[in-house]
PDB file of N, CA and C in Angstrom:
ATOM      1  N   UNK A   1      27.401 -34.207  -5.015  1.00  0.00           N
ATOM      2  CA  UNK A   1      27.404 -32.765  -4.754  1.00  0.00           C
ATOM      3  C   UNK A   1      26.506 -32.058  -5.729  1.00  0.00           C
ATOM      4  N   UNK A   2      26.506 -32.427  -6.999  1.00  0.00           N
ATOM      5  CA  UNK A   2      25.660 -31.787  -7.979  1.00  0.00           C
ATOM      6  C   UNK A   2      24.156 -31.985  -7.653  1.00  0.00           C
ATOM      7  N   UNK A   3      23.835 -33.155  -7.160  1.00  0.00           N
ATOM      8  CA  UNK A   3      22.465 -33.463  -6.771  1.00  0.00           C
ATOM      9  C   UNK A   3      22.034 -32.610  -5.634  1.00  0.00           C
ATOM     10  N   UNK A   4      22.921 -32.360  -4.662  1.00  0.00           N
ATOM     11  CA  UNK A   4      22.608 -31.502  -3.530  1.00  0.00           C
ATOM     12  C   UNK A   4      22.367 -30.057  -3.999  1.00  0.00           C
ATOM     13  N   UNK A   5      23.215 -29.557  -4.879  1.00  0.00           N
ATOM     14  CA  UNK A   5      23.038 -28.215  -5.393  1.00  0.00           C
ATOM     15  C   UNK A   5      21.746 -28.089  -6.187  1.00  0.00           C
ATOM     16  N   UNK A   6      21.404 -29.130  -6.956  1.00  0.00           N
ATOM     17  CA  UNK A   6      20.134 -29.077  -7.699  1.00  0.00           C
ATOM     18  C   UNK A   6      18.972 -29.078  -6.741  1.00  0.00           C
ATOM     19  N   UNK A   7      18.995 -29.846  -5.689  1.00  0.00           N
ATOM     20  CA  UNK A   7      17.934 -29.874  -4.689  1.00  0.00           C
ATOM     21  C   UNK A   7      17.792 -28.508  -4.012  1.00  0.00           C
ATOM     22  N   UNK A   8      18.906 -27.905  -3.634  1.00  0.00           N
ATOM     23  CA  UNK A   8      18.875 -26.611  -3.020  1.00  0.00           C
ATOM     24  C   UNK A   8      18.271 -25.536  -3.946  1.00  0.00           C
ATOM     25  N   UNK A   9      18.686 -25.592  -5.183  1.00  0.00           N
ATOM     26  CA  UNK A   9      18.145 -24.603  -6.183  1.00  0.00           C
ATOM     27  C   UNK A   9      16.651 -24.811  -6.411  1.00  0.00           C
ATOM     28  N   UNK A  10      16.232 -26.045  -6.496  1.00  0.00           N
ATOM     29  CA  UNK A  10      14.792 -26.322  -6.641  1.00  0.00           C
ATOM     30  C   UNK A  10      13.977 -25.850  -5.429  1.00  0.00           C
ATOM     31  N   UNK A  11      14.480 -26.163  -4.248  1.00  0.00           N
ATOM     32  CA  UNK A  11      13.711 -25.780  -3.036  1.00  0.00           C
ATOM     33  C   UNK A  11      13.682 -24.263  -2.894  1.00  0.00           C
ATOM     34  N   UNK A  12      14.782 -23.557  -3.243  1.00  0.00           N
ATOM     35  CA  UNK A  12      14.696 -22.083  -3.160  1.00  0.00           C
ATOM     36  C   UNK A  12      13.805 -21.523  -4.215  1.00  0.00           C
ATOM     37  N   UNK A  13      13.642 -22.158  -5.324  1.00  0.00           N
ATOM     38  CA  UNK A  13      12.770 -21.726  -6.378  1.00  0.00           C
ATOM     39  C   UNK A  13      11.339 -21.863  -5.921  1.00  0.00           C
ATOM     40  N   UNK A  14      11.021 -22.987  -5.249  1.00  0.00           N
ATOM     41  CA  UNK A  14       9.646 -23.168  -4.738  1.00  0.00           C
ATOM     42  C   UNK A  14       9.369 -22.192  -3.641  1.00  0.00           C
ATOM     43  N   UNK A  15      10.305 -21.927  -2.715  1.00  0.00           N
ATOM     44  CA  UNK A  15      10.115 -20.919  -1.684  1.00  0.00           C
ATOM     45  C   UNK A  15       9.865 -19.567  -2.263  1.00  0.00           C
ATOM     46  N   UNK A  16      10.642 -19.195  -3.270  1.00  0.00           N
ATOM     47  CA  UNK A  16      10.460 -17.907  -3.927  1.00  0.00           C
ATOM     48  C   UNK A  16       9.081 -17.758  -4.533  1.00  0.00           C
ATOM     49  N   UNK A  17       8.591 -18.797  -5.183  1.00  0.00           N
ATOM     50  CA  UNK A  17       7.242 -18.757  -5.801  1.00  0.00           C
ATOM     51  C   UNK A  17       6.216 -18.648  -4.684  1.00  0.00           C
ATOM     52  N   UNK A  18       6.391 -19.314  -3.531  1.00  0.00           N
ATOM     53  CA  UNK A  18       5.441 -19.273  -2.453  1.00  0.00           C
ATOM     54  C   UNK A  18       5.404 -17.899  -1.856  1.00  0.00           C
ATOM     55  N   UNK A  19       6.565 -17.261  -1.705  1.00  0.00           N
ATOM     56  CA  UNK A  19       6.601 -15.881  -1.180  1.00  0.00           C
ATOM     57  C   UNK A  19       5.908 -14.917  -2.129  1.00  0.00           C
ATOM     58  N   UNK A  20       6.182 -15.092  -3.416  1.00  0.00           N
ATOM     59  CA  UNK A  20       5.570 -14.217  -4.425  1.00  0.00           C
ATOM     60  C   UNK A  20       4.051 -14.366  -4.358  1.00  0.00           C
ATOM     61  N   UNK A  21       3.563 -15.597  -4.255  1.00  0.00           N
ATOM     62  CA  UNK A  21       2.125 -15.888  -4.198  1.00  0.00           C
ATOM     63  C   UNK A  21       1.543 -15.261  -2.940  1.00  0.00           C
ATOM     64  N   UNK A  22       2.249 -15.395  -1.808  1.00  0.00           N
ATOM     65  CA  UNK A  22       1.778 -14.787  -0.578  1.00  0.00           C
ATOM     66  C   UNK A  22       1.673 -13.285  -0.673  1.00  0.00           C
ATOM     67  N   UNK A  23       2.641 -12.672  -1.314  1.00  0.00           N
ATOM     68  CA  UNK A  23       2.621 -11.207  -1.465  1.00  0.00           C
ATOM     69  C   UNK A  23       1.518 -10.801  -2.395  1.00  0.00           C
ATOM     70  N   UNK A  24       1.242 -11.546  -3.424  1.00  0.00           N
ATOM     71  CA  UNK A  24       0.170 -11.237  -4.385  1.00  0.00           C
ATOM     72  C   UNK A  24      -1.137 -11.344  -3.660  1.00  0.00           C
ATOM     73  N   UNK A  25      -1.299 -12.353  -2.794  1.00  0.00           N
ATOM     74  CA  UNK A  25      -2.527 -12.498  -2.002  1.00  0.00           C
ATOM     75  C   UNK A  25      -2.690 -11.337  -1.041  1.00  0.00           C
ATOM     76  N   UNK A  26      -1.591 -10.900  -0.440  1.00  0.00           N
ATOM     77  CA  UNK A  26      -1.639  -9.753   0.474  1.00  0.00           C
ATOM     78  C   UNK A  26      -2.089  -8.510  -0.280  1.00  0.00           C
ATOM     79  N   UNK A  27      -1.536  -8.285  -1.480  1.00  0.00           N
ATOM     80  CA  UNK A  27      -1.886  -7.088  -2.267  1.00  0.00           C
ATOM     81  C   UNK A  27      -3.397  -7.158  -2.621  1.00  0.00           C
ATOM     82  N   UNK A  28      -3.867  -8.302  -2.991  1.00  0.00           N
ATOM     83  CA  UNK A  28      -5.302  -8.463  -3.344  1.00  0.00           C
ATOM     84  C   UNK A  28      -6.159  -8.163  -2.127  1.00  0.00           C
ATOM     85  N   UNK A  29      -5.724  -8.596  -0.929  1.00  0.00           N
ATOM     86  CA  UNK A  29      -6.516  -8.306   0.304  1.00  0.00           C
ATOM     87  C   UNK A  29      -6.492  -6.854   0.602  1.00  0.00           C
ATOM     88  N   UNK A  30      -5.372  -6.186   0.450  1.00  0.00           N
ATOM     89  CA  UNK A  30      -5.271  -4.756   0.663  1.00  0.00           C
ATOM     90  C   UNK A  30      -6.173  -3.988  -0.296  1.00  0.00           C
ATOM     91  N   UNK A  31      -6.195  -4.394  -1.507  1.00  0.00           N
ATOM     92  CA  UNK A  31      -7.026  -3.734  -2.517  1.00  0.00           C
ATOM     93  C   UNK A  31      -8.514  -3.947  -2.181  1.00  0.00           C
ATOM     94  N   UNK A  32      -8.867  -5.131  -1.697  1.00  0.00           N
ATOM     95  CA  UNK A  32     -10.249  -5.403  -1.268  1.00  0.00           C
ATOM     96  C   UNK A  32     -10.647  -4.480  -0.109  1.00  0.00           C
ATOM     97  N   UNK A  33      -9.713  -4.314   0.850  1.00  0.00           N
ATOM     98  CA  UNK A  33      -9.960  -3.424   1.959  1.00  0.00           C
ATOM     99  C   UNK A  33     -10.199  -2.026   1.474  1.00  0.00           C
ATOM    100  N   UNK A  34      -9.323  -1.602   0.570  1.00  0.00           N
ATOM    101  CA  UNK A  34      -9.492  -0.171   0.029  1.00  0.00           C
ATOM    102  C   UNK A  34     -10.816  -0.044  -0.645  1.00  0.00           C
ATOM    103  N   UNK A  35     -11.237  -1.030  -1.479  1.00  0.00           N
ATOM    104  CA  UNK A  35     -12.497  -0.906  -2.178  1.00  0.00           C
ATOM    105  C   UNK A  35     -13.695  -0.881  -1.145  1.00  0.00           C
ATOM    106  N   UNK A  36     -13.563  -1.722  -0.147  1.00  0.00           N
ATOM    107  CA  UNK A  36     -14.646  -1.816   0.894  1.00  0.00           C
ATOM    108  C   UNK A  36     -14.745  -0.447   1.622  1.00  0.00           C
ATOM    109  N   UNK A  37     -13.651   0.099   2.000  1.00  0.00           N
ATOM    110  CA  UNK A  37     -13.661   1.392   2.741  1.00  0.00           C
ATOM    111  C   UNK A  37     -14.161   2.488   1.810  1.00  0.00           C
ATOM    112  N   UNK A  38     -13.765   2.502   0.551  1.00  0.00           N
ATOM    113  CA  UNK A  38     -14.198   3.532  -0.376  1.00  0.00           C
ATOM    114  C   UNK A  38     -15.713   3.433  -0.526  1.00  0.00           C
ATOM    115  N   UNK A  39     -16.218   2.258  -0.634  1.00  0.00           N
ATOM    116  CA  UNK A  39     -17.724   2.033  -0.793  1.00  0.00           C
ATOM    117  C   UNK A  39     -18.401   2.499   0.478  1.00  0.00           C
ATOM    118  N   UNK A  40     -17.832   2.145   1.657  1.00  0.00           N
ATOM    119  CA  UNK A  40     -18.458   2.483   2.909  1.00  0.00           C
ATOM    120  C   UNK A  40     -18.533   4.015   3.068  1.00  0.00           C
ATOM    121  N   UNK A  41     -17.506   4.738   2.717  1.00  0.00           N
ATOM    122  CA  UNK A  41     -17.487   6.196   2.970  1.00  0.00           C
ATOM    123  C   UNK A  41     -18.055   6.986   1.809  1.00  0.00           C
ATOM    124  N   UNK A  42     -18.006   6.507   0.607  1.00  0.00           N
ATOM    125  CA  UNK A  42     -18.416   7.301  -0.578  1.00  0.00           C
ATOM    126  C   UNK A  42     -19.636   6.695  -1.258  1.00  0.00           C
ATOM    127  N   UNK A  43     -20.063   5.514  -0.847  1.00  0.00           N
ATOM    128  CA  UNK A  43     -21.343   4.961  -1.354  1.00  0.00           C
ATOM    129  C   UNK A  43     -21.121   3.926  -2.428  1.00  0.00           C
ATOM    130  N   UNK A  44     -22.186   3.183  -2.647  1.00  0.00           N
ATOM    131  CA  UNK A  44     -22.208   2.164  -3.662  1.00  0.00           C
ATOM    132  C   UNK A  44     -21.942   2.756  -5.000  1.00  0.00           C
ATOM    133  N   UNK A  45     -21.251   2.096  -5.853  1.00  0.00           N
ATOM    134  CA  UNK A  45     -20.924   2.596  -7.200  1.00  0.00           C
ATOM    135  C   UNK A  45     -19.625   3.327  -7.207  1.00  0.00           C
ATOM    136  N   UNK A  46     -18.893   3.291  -6.134  1.00  0.00           N
ATOM    137  CA  UNK A  46     -17.534   3.890  -6.112  1.00  0.00           C
ATOM    138  C   UNK A  46     -16.550   2.874  -6.589  1.00  0.00           C
ATOM    139  N   UNK A  47     -15.723   3.269  -7.529  1.00  0.00           N
ATOM    140  CA  UNK A  47     -14.716   2.351  -8.126  1.00  0.00           C
ATOM    141  C   UNK A  47     -13.340   2.851  -7.724  1.00  0.00           C
ATOM    142  N   UNK A  48     -12.488   1.889  -7.471  1.00  0.00           N
ATOM    143  CA  UNK A  48     -11.127   2.143  -7.067  1.00  0.00           C
ATOM    144  C   UNK A  48     -10.171   1.892  -8.261  1.00  0.00           C
ATOM    145  N   UNK A  49      -9.318   2.866  -8.528  1.00  0.00           N
ATOM    146  CA  UNK A  49      -8.303   2.744  -9.629  1.00  0.00           C
ATOM    147  C   UNK A  49      -6.997   3.301  -9.101  1.00  0.00           C
ATOM    148  N   UNK A  50      -5.943   3.081  -9.871  1.00  0.00           N
ATOM    149  CA  UNK A  50      -4.625   3.705  -9.606  1.00  0.00           C
ATOM    150  C   UNK A  50      -4.045   3.235  -8.267  1.00  0.00           C
ATOM    151  N   UNK A  51      -4.257   2.007  -7.903  1.00  0.00           N
ATOM    152  CA  UNK A  51      -3.744   1.481  -6.639  1.00  0.00           C
ATOM    153  C   UNK A  51      -2.245   1.291  -6.655  1.00  0.00           C
ATOM    154  N   UNK A  52      -1.517   1.925  -5.725  1.00  0.00           N
ATOM    155  CA  UNK A  52      -0.070   1.782  -5.668  1.00  0.00           C
ATOM    156  C   UNK A  52       0.433   1.840  -4.225  1.00  0.00           C
ATOM    157  N   UNK A  53       1.506   1.171  -3.968  1.00  0.00           N
ATOM    158  CA  UNK A  53       2.135   1.196  -2.610  1.00  0.00           C
ATOM    159  C   UNK A  53       3.009   2.447  -2.508  1.00  0.00           C
ATOM    160  N   UNK A  54       2.990   3.109  -1.376  1.00  0.00           N
ATOM    161  CA  UNK A  54       3.842   4.285  -1.131  1.00  0.00           C
ATOM    162  C   UNK A  54       4.671   4.003   0.074  1.00  0.00           C
ATOM    163  N   UNK A  55       5.753   4.752   0.306  1.00  0.00           N
ATOM    164  CA  UNK A  55       6.617   4.498   1.472  1.00  0.00           C
ATOM    165  C   UNK A  55       5.889   4.448   2.757  1.00  0.00           C
ATOM    166  N   UNK A  56       6.375   3.678   3.685  1.00  0.00           N
ATOM    167  CA  UNK A  56       5.808   3.647   5.055  1.00  0.00           C
ATOM    168  C   UNK A  56       4.701   2.571   5.205  1.00  0.00           C
ATOM    169  N   UNK A  57       4.511   1.757   4.181  1.00  0.00           N
ATOM    170  CA  UNK A  57       3.492   0.701   4.255  1.00  0.00           C
ATOM    171  C   UNK A  57       2.111   1.104   3.921  1.00  0.00           C
ATOM    172  N   UNK A  58       1.900   2.333   3.470  1.00  0.00           N
ATOM    173  CA  UNK A  58       0.591   2.837   3.065  1.00  0.00           C
ATOM    174  C   UNK A  58       0.381   2.556   1.559  1.00  0.00           C
ATOM    175  N   UNK A  59      -0.887   2.746   1.156  1.00  0.00           N
ATOM    176  CA  UNK A  59      -1.261   2.530  -0.259  1.00  0.00           C
ATOM    177  C   UNK A  59      -2.029   3.755  -0.759  1.00  0.00           C
ATOM    178  N   UNK A  60      -1.731   4.213  -1.917  1.00  0.00           N
ATOM    179  CA  UNK A  60      -2.415   5.335  -2.532  1.00  0.00           C
ATOM    180  C   UNK A  60      -3.414   4.776  -3.598  1.00  0.00           C
ATOM    181  N   UNK A  61      -4.601   5.335  -3.675  1.00  0.00           N
ATOM    182  CA  UNK A  61      -5.512   4.920  -4.689  1.00  0.00           C
ATOM    183  C   UNK A  61      -6.533   6.009  -4.998  1.00  0.00           C
ATOM    184  N   UNK A  62      -7.146   5.909  -6.106  1.00  0.00           N
ATOM    185  CA  UNK A  62      -8.185   6.871  -6.503  1.00  0.00           C
ATOM    186  C   UNK A  62      -9.512   6.210  -6.405  1.00  0.00           C
ATOM    187  N   UNK A  63     -10.534   6.957  -5.921  1.00  0.00           N
ATOM    188  CA  UNK A  63     -11.880   6.408  -5.880  1.00  0.00           C
ATOM    189  C   UNK A  63     -12.721   7.324  -6.793  1.00  0.00           C
ATOM    190  N   UNK A  64     -13.492   6.686  -7.678  1.00  0.00           N
ATOM    191  CA  UNK A  64     -14.319   7.415  -8.660  1.00  0.00           C
ATOM    192  C   UNK A  64     -15.785   7.048  -8.389  1.00  0.00           C
ATOM    193  N   UNK A  65     -16.611   8.074  -8.352  1.00  0.00           N
ATOM    194  CA  UNK A  65     -18.074   7.820  -8.251  1.00  0.00           C
ATOM    195  C   UNK A  65     -18.658   7.891  -9.638  1.00  0.00           C
ATOM    196  N   UNK A  66     -19.809   7.269  -9.852  1.00  0.00           N
ATOM    197  CA  UNK A  66     -20.456   7.322 -11.114  1.00  0.00           C
ATOM    198  C   UNK A  66     -20.877   8.724 -11.538  1.00  0.00           C
ATOM    199  N   UNK A  67     -20.982   9.573 -10.562  1.00  0.00           N
ATOM    200  CA  UNK A  67     -21.334  10.983 -10.857  1.00  0.00           C
ATOM    201  C   UNK A  67     -20.178  11.813 -11.357  1.00  0.00           C
ATOM    202  N   UNK A  68     -18.986  11.208 -11.398  1.00  0.00           N
ATOM    203  CA  UNK A  68     -17.819  11.896 -11.929  1.00  0.00           C
ATOM    204  C   UNK A  68     -16.853  12.394 -10.815  1.00  0.00           C
ATOM    205  N   UNK A  69     -17.289  12.362  -9.577  1.00  0.00           N
ATOM    206  CA  UNK A  69     -16.432  12.800  -8.499  1.00  0.00           C
ATOM    207  C   UNK A  69     -15.226  11.852  -8.337  1.00  0.00           C
ATOM    208  N   UNK A  70     -14.085  12.429  -8.029  1.00  0.00           N
ATOM    209  CA  UNK A  70     -12.894  11.645  -7.841  1.00  0.00           C
ATOM    210  C   UNK A  70     -12.224  12.022  -6.513  1.00  0.00           C
ATOM    211  N   UNK A  71     -11.718  11.017  -5.792  1.00  0.00           N
ATOM    212  CA  UNK A  71     -11.085  11.260  -4.495  1.00  0.00           C
ATOM    213  C   UNK A  71      -9.730  10.611  -4.504  1.00  0.00           C
ATOM    214  N   UNK A  72      -8.745  11.315  -3.981  1.00  0.00           N
ATOM    215  CA  UNK A  72      -7.387  10.791  -3.819  1.00  0.00           C
ATOM    216  C   UNK A  72      -7.293  10.321  -2.349  1.00  0.00           C
ATOM    217  N   UNK A  73      -7.091   9.025  -2.189  1.00  0.00           N
ATOM    218  CA  UNK A  73      -7.150   8.445  -0.837  1.00  0.00           C
ATOM    219  C   UNK A  73      -5.865   7.636  -0.549  1.00  0.00           C
ATOM    220  N   UNK A  74      -5.588   7.501   0.761  1.00  0.00           N
ATOM    221  CA  UNK A  74      -4.489   6.734   1.204  1.00  0.00           C
ATOM    222  C   UNK A  74      -4.982   5.729   2.273  1.00  0.00           C
ATOM    223  N   UNK A  75      -4.689   4.487   2.106  1.00  0.00           N
ATOM    224  CA  UNK A  75      -5.004   3.438   3.067  1.00  0.00           C
ATOM    225  C   UNK A  75      -3.773   3.297   3.949  1.00  0.00           C
ATOM    226  N   UNK A  76      -3.904   3.520   5.236  1.00  0.00           N
ATOM    227  CA  UNK A  76      -2.804   3.431   6.163  1.00  0.00           C
ATOM    228  C   UNK A  76      -2.474   1.976   6.520  1.00  0.00           C
ATOM    229  N   UNK A  77      -1.295   1.680   7.070  1.00  0.00           N
ATOM    230  CA  UNK A  77      -0.884   0.342   7.309  1.00  0.00           C
ATOM    231  C   UNK A  77      -1.777  -0.468   8.225  1.00  0.00           C
ATOM    232  N   UNK A  78      -2.657   0.190   9.035  1.00  0.00           N
ATOM    233  CA  UNK A  78      -3.557  -0.582   9.856  1.00  0.00           C
ATOM    234  C   UNK A  78      -4.695  -1.213   9.056  1.00  0.00           C
ATOM    235  N   UNK A  79      -4.761  -0.876   7.753  1.00  0.00           N
ATOM    236  CA  UNK A  79      -5.730  -1.436   6.784  1.00  0.00           C
ATOM    237  C   UNK A  79      -7.181  -1.095   7.171  1.00  0.00           C
ATOM    238  N   UNK A  80      -7.404  -0.141   8.029  1.00  0.00           N
ATOM    239  CA  UNK A  80      -8.745   0.243   8.456  1.00  0.00           C
ATOM    240  C   UNK A  80      -8.951   1.760   8.347  1.00  0.00           C
ATOM    241  N   UNK A  81      -7.861   2.481   8.089  1.00  0.00           N
ATOM    242  CA  UNK A  81      -7.954   3.942   8.052  1.00  0.00           C
ATOM    243  C   UNK A  81      -7.607   4.464   6.657  1.00  0.00           C
ATOM    244  N   UNK A  82      -8.452   5.360   6.148  1.00  0.00           N
ATOM    245  CA  UNK A  82      -8.096   6.031   4.923  1.00  0.00           C
ATOM    246  C   UNK A  82      -8.026   7.523   5.196  1.00  0.00           C
ATOM    247  N   UNK A  83      -7.187   8.203   4.431  1.00  0.00           N
ATOM    248  CA  UNK A  83      -6.997   9.647   4.557  1.00  0.00           C
ATOM    249  C   UNK A  83      -7.367  10.171   3.173  1.00  0.00           C
ATOM    250  N   UNK A  84      -8.212  11.154   3.140  1.00  0.00           N
ATOM    251  CA  UNK A  84      -8.622  11.766   1.948  1.00  0.00           C
ATOM    252  C   UNK A  84      -7.783  13.035   1.658  1.00  0.00           C
ATOM    253  N   UNK A  85      -7.384  13.272   0.440  1.00  0.00           N
ATOM    254  CA  UNK A  85      -6.675  14.460   0.095  1.00  0.00           C
ATOM    255  C   UNK A  85      -5.195  14.310   0.084  1.00  0.00           C
ATOM    256  N   UNK A  86      -4.469  15.386   0.345  1.00  0.00           N
ATOM    257  CA  UNK A  86      -2.976  15.335   0.238  1.00  0.00           C
ATOM    258  C   UNK A  86      -2.325  15.230   1.596  1.00  0.00           C
ATOM    259  N   UNK A  87      -3.073  14.776   2.633  1.00  0.00           N
ATOM    260  CA  UNK A  87      -2.449  14.706   3.930  1.00  0.00           C
ATOM    261  C   UNK A  87      -1.266  13.723   3.957  1.00  0.00           C
ATOM    262  N   UNK A  88      -1.256  12.750   3.075  1.00  0.00           N
ATOM    263  CA  UNK A  88      -0.140  11.803   3.044  1.00  0.00           C
ATOM    264  C   UNK A  88       0.563  11.955   1.697  1.00  0.00           C
ATOM    265  N   UNK A  89       1.780  12.265   1.760  1.00  0.00           N
ATOM    266  CA  UNK A  89       2.547  12.533   0.533  1.00  0.00           C
ATOM    267  C   UNK A  89       3.802  11.670   0.489  1.00  0.00           C
ATOM    268  N   UNK A  90       4.099  11.148  -0.683  1.00  0.00           N
ATOM    269  CA  UNK A  90       5.346  10.428  -0.868  1.00  0.00           C
ATOM    270  C   UNK A  90       6.557  11.307  -0.593  1.00  0.00           C
ATOM    271  N   UNK A  91       6.346  12.619  -0.554  1.00  0.00           N
ATOM    272  CA  UNK A  91       7.448  13.555  -0.462  1.00  0.00           C
ATOM    273  C   UNK A  91       7.638  14.113   0.938  1.00  0.00           C
ATOM    274  N   UNK A  92       6.911  13.648   1.948  1.00  0.00           N
ATOM    275  CA  UNK A  92       7.135  14.116   3.321  1.00  0.00           C
ATOM    276  C   UNK A  92       8.496  13.648   3.773  1.00  0.00           C
ATOM    277  N   UNK A  93       9.341  14.597   4.175  1.00  0.00           N
ATOM    278  CA  UNK A  93      10.642  14.226   4.711  1.00  0.00           C
ATOM    279  C   UNK A  93      10.881  14.847   6.082  1.00  0.00           C
ATOM    280  N   UNK A  94       9.958  15.691   6.510  1.00  0.00           N
ATOM    281  CA  UNK A  94      10.058  16.381   7.802  1.00  0.00           C
ATOM    282  C   UNK A  94       8.982  15.842   8.722  1.00  0.00           C
ATOM    283  N   UNK A  95       9.402  15.341   9.875  1.00  0.00           N
ATOM    284  CA  UNK A  95       8.437  14.752  10.857  1.00  0.00           C
ATOM    285  C   UNK A  95       7.379  15.818  11.240  1.00  0.00           C
ATOM    286  N   UNK A  96       7.733  17.090  11.314  1.00  0.00           N
ATOM    287  CA  UNK A  96       6.730  18.097  11.682  1.00  0.00           C
ATOM    288  C   UNK A  96       5.592  18.154  10.689  1.00  0.00           C
ATOM    289  N   UNK A  97       5.812  17.784   9.433  1.00  0.00           N
ATOM    290  CA  UNK A  97       4.741  17.772   8.438  1.00  0.00           C
ATOM    291  C   UNK A  97       3.835  16.595   8.574  1.00  0.00           C
ATOM    292  N   UNK A  98       4.179  15.639   9.445  1.00  0.00           N
ATOM    293  CA  UNK A  98       3.399  14.411   9.629  1.00  0.00           C
ATOM    294  C   UNK A  98       2.245  14.590  10.634  1.00  0.00           C
ATOM    295  N   UNK A  99       2.159  15.781  11.288  1.00  0.00           N
ATOM    296  CA  UNK A  99       1.064  16.101  12.174  1.00  0.00           C
ATOM    297  C   UNK A  99       0.855  15.068  13.292  1.00  0.00           C
ATOM    298  N   UNK A 100       1.973  14.462  13.759  1.00  0.00           N
ATOM    299  CA  UNK A 100       1.986  13.475  14.826  1.00  0.00           C
ATOM    300  C   UNK A 100       1.173  12.257  14.546  1.00  0.00           C
ATOM    301  N   UNK A 101       1.036  11.907  13.279  1.00  0.00           N
ATOM    302  CA  UNK A 101       0.355  10.697  12.860  1.00  0.00           C
ATOM    303  C   UNK A 101       1.474   9.653  12.651  1.00  0.00           C
ATOM    304  N   UNK A 102       1.470   8.593  13.501  1.00  0.00           N
ATOM    305  CA  UNK A 102       2.601   7.594  13.425  1.00  0.00           C
ATOM    306  C   UNK A 102       2.886   7.064  12.070  1.00  0.00           C
ATOM    307  N   UNK A 103       1.883   6.729  11.267  1.00  0.00           N
ATOM    308  CA  UNK A 103       2.155   6.217   9.906  1.00  0.00           C
ATOM    309  C   UNK A 103       2.831   7.323   9.045  1.00  0.00           C
ATOM    310  N   UNK A 104       2.433   8.551   9.165  1.00  0.00           N
ATOM    311  CA  UNK A 104       3.061   9.582   8.408  1.00  0.00           C
ATOM    312  C   UNK A 104       4.496   9.869   8.869  1.00  0.00           C
ATOM    313  N   UNK A 105       4.704   9.786  10.187  1.00  0.00           N
ATOM    314  CA  UNK A 105       6.069   9.941  10.724  1.00  0.00           C
ATOM    315  C   UNK A 105       6.968   8.845  10.153  1.00  0.00           C
ATOM    316  N   UNK A 106       6.477   7.583  10.026  1.00  0.00           N
ATOM    317  CA  UNK A 106       7.317   6.530   9.468  1.00  0.00           C
ATOM    318  C   UNK A 106       7.617   6.766   8.014  1.00  0.00           C
ATOM    319  N   UNK A 107       6.678   7.324   7.308  1.00  0.00           N
ATOM    320  CA  UNK A 107       6.904   7.696   5.898  1.00  0.00           C
ATOM    321  C   UNK A 107       7.951   8.797   5.793  1.00  0.00           C
ATOM    322  N   UNK A 108       7.864   9.804   6.657  1.00  0.00           N
ATOM    323  CA  UNK A 108       8.818  10.952   6.662  1.00  0.00           C
ATOM    324  C   UNK A 108      10.208  10.446   6.930  1.00  0.00           C
ATOM    325  N   UNK A 109      10.352   9.507   7.889  1.00  0.00           N
ATOM    326  CA  UNK A 109      11.651   8.973   8.242  1.00  0.00           C
ATOM    327  C   UNK A 109      12.211   8.171   7.052  1.00  0.00           C
ATOM    328  N   UNK A 110      11.385   7.311   6.452  1.00  0.00           N
ATOM    329  CA  UNK A 110      11.833   6.494   5.301  1.00  0.00           C
ATOM    330  C   UNK A 110      12.209   7.380   4.119  1.00  0.00           C
ATOM    331  N   UNK A 111      11.416   8.436   3.853  1.00  0.00           N
ATOM    332  CA  UNK A 111      11.709   9.342   2.762  1.00  0.00           C
ATOM    333  C   UNK A 111      12.996  10.103   2.977  1.00  0.00           C
ATOM    334  N   UNK A 112      13.237  10.506   4.264  1.00  0.00           N
ATOM    335  CA  UNK A 112      14.439  11.282   4.583  1.00  0.00           C
ATOM    336  C   UNK A 112      15.679  10.403   4.329  1.00  0.00           C
ATOM    337  N   UNK A 113      15.598   9.102   4.740  1.00  0.00           N
ATOM    338  CA  UNK A 113      16.713   8.153   4.506  1.00  0.00           C
ATOM    339  C   UNK A 113      16.932   7.948   3.002  1.00  0.00           C
ATOM    340  N   UNK A 114      15.852   7.843   2.246  1.00  0.00           N
ATOM    341  CA  UNK A 114      15.983   7.641   0.782  1.00  0.00           C
ATOM    342  C   UNK A 114      16.595   8.828   0.093  1.00  0.00           C
ATOM    343  N   UNK A 115      16.395  10.049   0.610  1.00  0.00           N
ATOM    344  CA  UNK A 115      16.931  11.240  -0.015  1.00  0.00           C
ATOM    345  C   UNK A 115      18.460  11.412   0.264  1.00  0.00           C
ATOM    346  N   UNK A 116      18.898  10.809   1.378  1.00  0.00           N
ATOM    347  CA  UNK A 116      20.320  10.972   1.790  1.00  0.00           C
ATOM    348  C   UNK A 116      21.199   9.988   1.046  1.00  0.00           C
TER     349      UNK A 116
END
């Protein structure tokens, strides 16, 4: 019985490490997408910093140009769309504030549940 428990614990440990590694790879891919989109829209020499996940599956990051310009951007869950400015907020709790954008509506619903 002890051997069976040890095998189960070891296999769950390996599975946990594999899931962690997969998630780390996912985050690296998301960050690469964000950097690529920032470069595409704001030009070569744009650097991405302050990368963080926000509710609804989106990611917030800052893009800095060498000229000193800074942009607050959000990468939506489709990993192909970025929103510039404050259109996407961690604090949206009202679907009307989401402007009928599905990703923003999902964030509004998640935030409303978290506040209750």
